[in-house]
Amino acid sequence: MVSDFNDALFAAAAIGERDRVLDIGSGSGRTTRLAARLAPRGSVVGVDISRPLIERARASAGHARIVYELGDAQTHPFAPAATTWRSAGAG
């Protein structure tokens, strides 16, 4: 079920190879890592309010282009031009 959601999400997002992606509510980072595959020359940031999930995501990031930040997306100061694509995915 999550796979179907991610397939539809990424098809609609049309992430480019140089895009800067922000995954809000990244959880354990699954969607963040999938987005990173679509932007091999870009960068990806996952943000979540849960310290245990961010720690799990960091442990499985596997690439320097993926950064995970602990934070509340409602109050985190993201600059509007800092990303080319934003997600509130599942996973």
Protein backbone atom coordinates (compact mmCIF):
# COMPACT_ATOMS: atom_id res chain seq x y z
CA MET A 1 0.00 0.00 0.00
CA VAL A 2 2.80 2.45 0.88
CA SER A 3 4.56 1.37 -2.31
CA ASP A 4 1.49 2.34 -4.37
CA PHE A 5 1.40 5.71 -2.60
CA ASN A 6 5.09 6.32 -3.24
CA ASP A 7 4.76 5.33 -6.91
CA ALA A 8 1.96 7.85 -7.38
CA LEU A 9 3.77 10.50 -5.34
CA PHE A 10 7.01 10.26 -7.30
CA ALA A 11 5.22 10.06 -10.66
CA ALA A 12 3.41 13.31 -9.86
CA ALA A 13 6.49 14.98 -8.38
CA ALA A 14 8.71 14.46 -11.43
CA ILE A 15 11.85 15.00 -9.35
CA GLY A 16 14.77 16.03 -11.55
CA GLU A 17 18.33 14.81 -11.20
CA ARG A 18 19.53 18.16 -9.77
CA ASP A 19 16.52 18.97 -7.58
CA ARG A 20 16.76 19.94 -3.94
CA VAL A 21 14.18 17.87 -2.05
CA LEU A 22 12.70 18.50 1.39
CA ASP A 23 10.86 15.55 2.94
CA ILE A 24 8.68 16.85 5.77
CA GLY A 25 7.80 14.21 8.34
CA SER A 26 10.50 11.94 6.95
CA GLY A 27 10.16 9.35 9.70
CA SER A 28 12.69 6.56 9.25
CA GLY A 29 13.71 8.02 5.88
CA ARG A 30 12.32 5.54 3.36
CA THR A 31 10.67 8.18 1.16
CA THR A 32 13.70 10.44 1.59
CA ARG A 33 16.04 7.74 0.30
CA LEU A 34 13.73 7.02 -2.65
CA ALA A 35 13.73 10.73 -3.53
CA ALA A 36 17.54 10.79 -3.37
CA ARG A 37 17.69 8.10 -6.05
CA LEU A 38 15.69 10.37 -8.35
CA ALA A 39 17.97 13.37 -7.70
CA PRO A 40 21.48 11.88 -8.03
CA ARG A 41 23.04 15.32 -8.60
CA GLY A 42 20.78 17.13 -6.16
CA SER A 43 20.36 17.07 -2.41
CA VAL A 44 17.74 15.70 -0.05
CA VAL A 45 16.81 16.79 3.47
CA GLY A 46 14.50 14.79 5.70
CA VAL A 47 12.94 16.49 8.73
CA ASP A 48 11.04 14.82 11.54
CA ILE A 49 10.07 15.68 15.09
CA SER A 50 10.92 12.20 16.40
CA ARG A 51 14.50 11.77 17.60
CA PRO A 52 14.38 7.93 17.43
CA LEU A 53 13.15 8.01 13.82
CA ILE A 54 15.75 10.59 12.78
CA GLU A 55 18.47 8.46 14.38
CA ARG A 56 17.20 5.40 12.48
CA ALA A 57 17.09 7.41 9.24
CA ARG A 58 20.64 8.71 9.75
CA ALA A 59 21.89 5.17 10.35
CA SER A 60 20.50 4.03 7.01
CA ALA A 61 21.08 7.16 4.91
CA GLY A 62 23.88 5.61 2.90
CA HIS A 63 24.89 8.78 1.10
CA ALA A 64 26.31 12.20 1.98
CA ARG A 65 23.67 13.95 -0.17
CA ILE A 66 20.98 12.87 2.29
CA VAL A 67 20.75 14.92 5.48
CA TYR A 68 18.29 14.32 8.31
CA GLU A 69 17.33 17.09 10.71
CA LEU A 70 15.43 16.86 13.95
CA GLY A 71 12.77 19.54 13.90
CA ASP A 72 9.15 20.57 13.79
CA ALA A 73 8.19 21.43 10.22
CA GLN A 74 5.59 23.89 11.53
CA THR A 75 8.28 26.04 13.13
CA HIS A 76 11.47 25.15 11.22
CA PRO A 77 12.81 28.13 9.25
CA PHE A 78 12.95 26.69 5.72
CA ALA A 79 13.80 29.32 3.14
CA PRO A 80 11.26 29.25 0.26
CA ALA A 81 14.01 29.00 -2.39
CA ALA A 82 15.94 26.31 -0.49
CA THR A 83 14.13 23.46 -2.25
CA THR A 84 12.70 22.67 -5.66
CA TRP A 85 10.37 19.93 -4.39
CA ARG A 86 8.74 19.28 -1.03
CA SER A 87 7.08 16.13 0.23
CA ALA A 88 5.07 15.05 3.19
CA GLY A 89 5.37 11.40 2.27
CA ALA A 90 4.74 8.17 4.08
CA GLY A 91 7.79 6.58 5.55
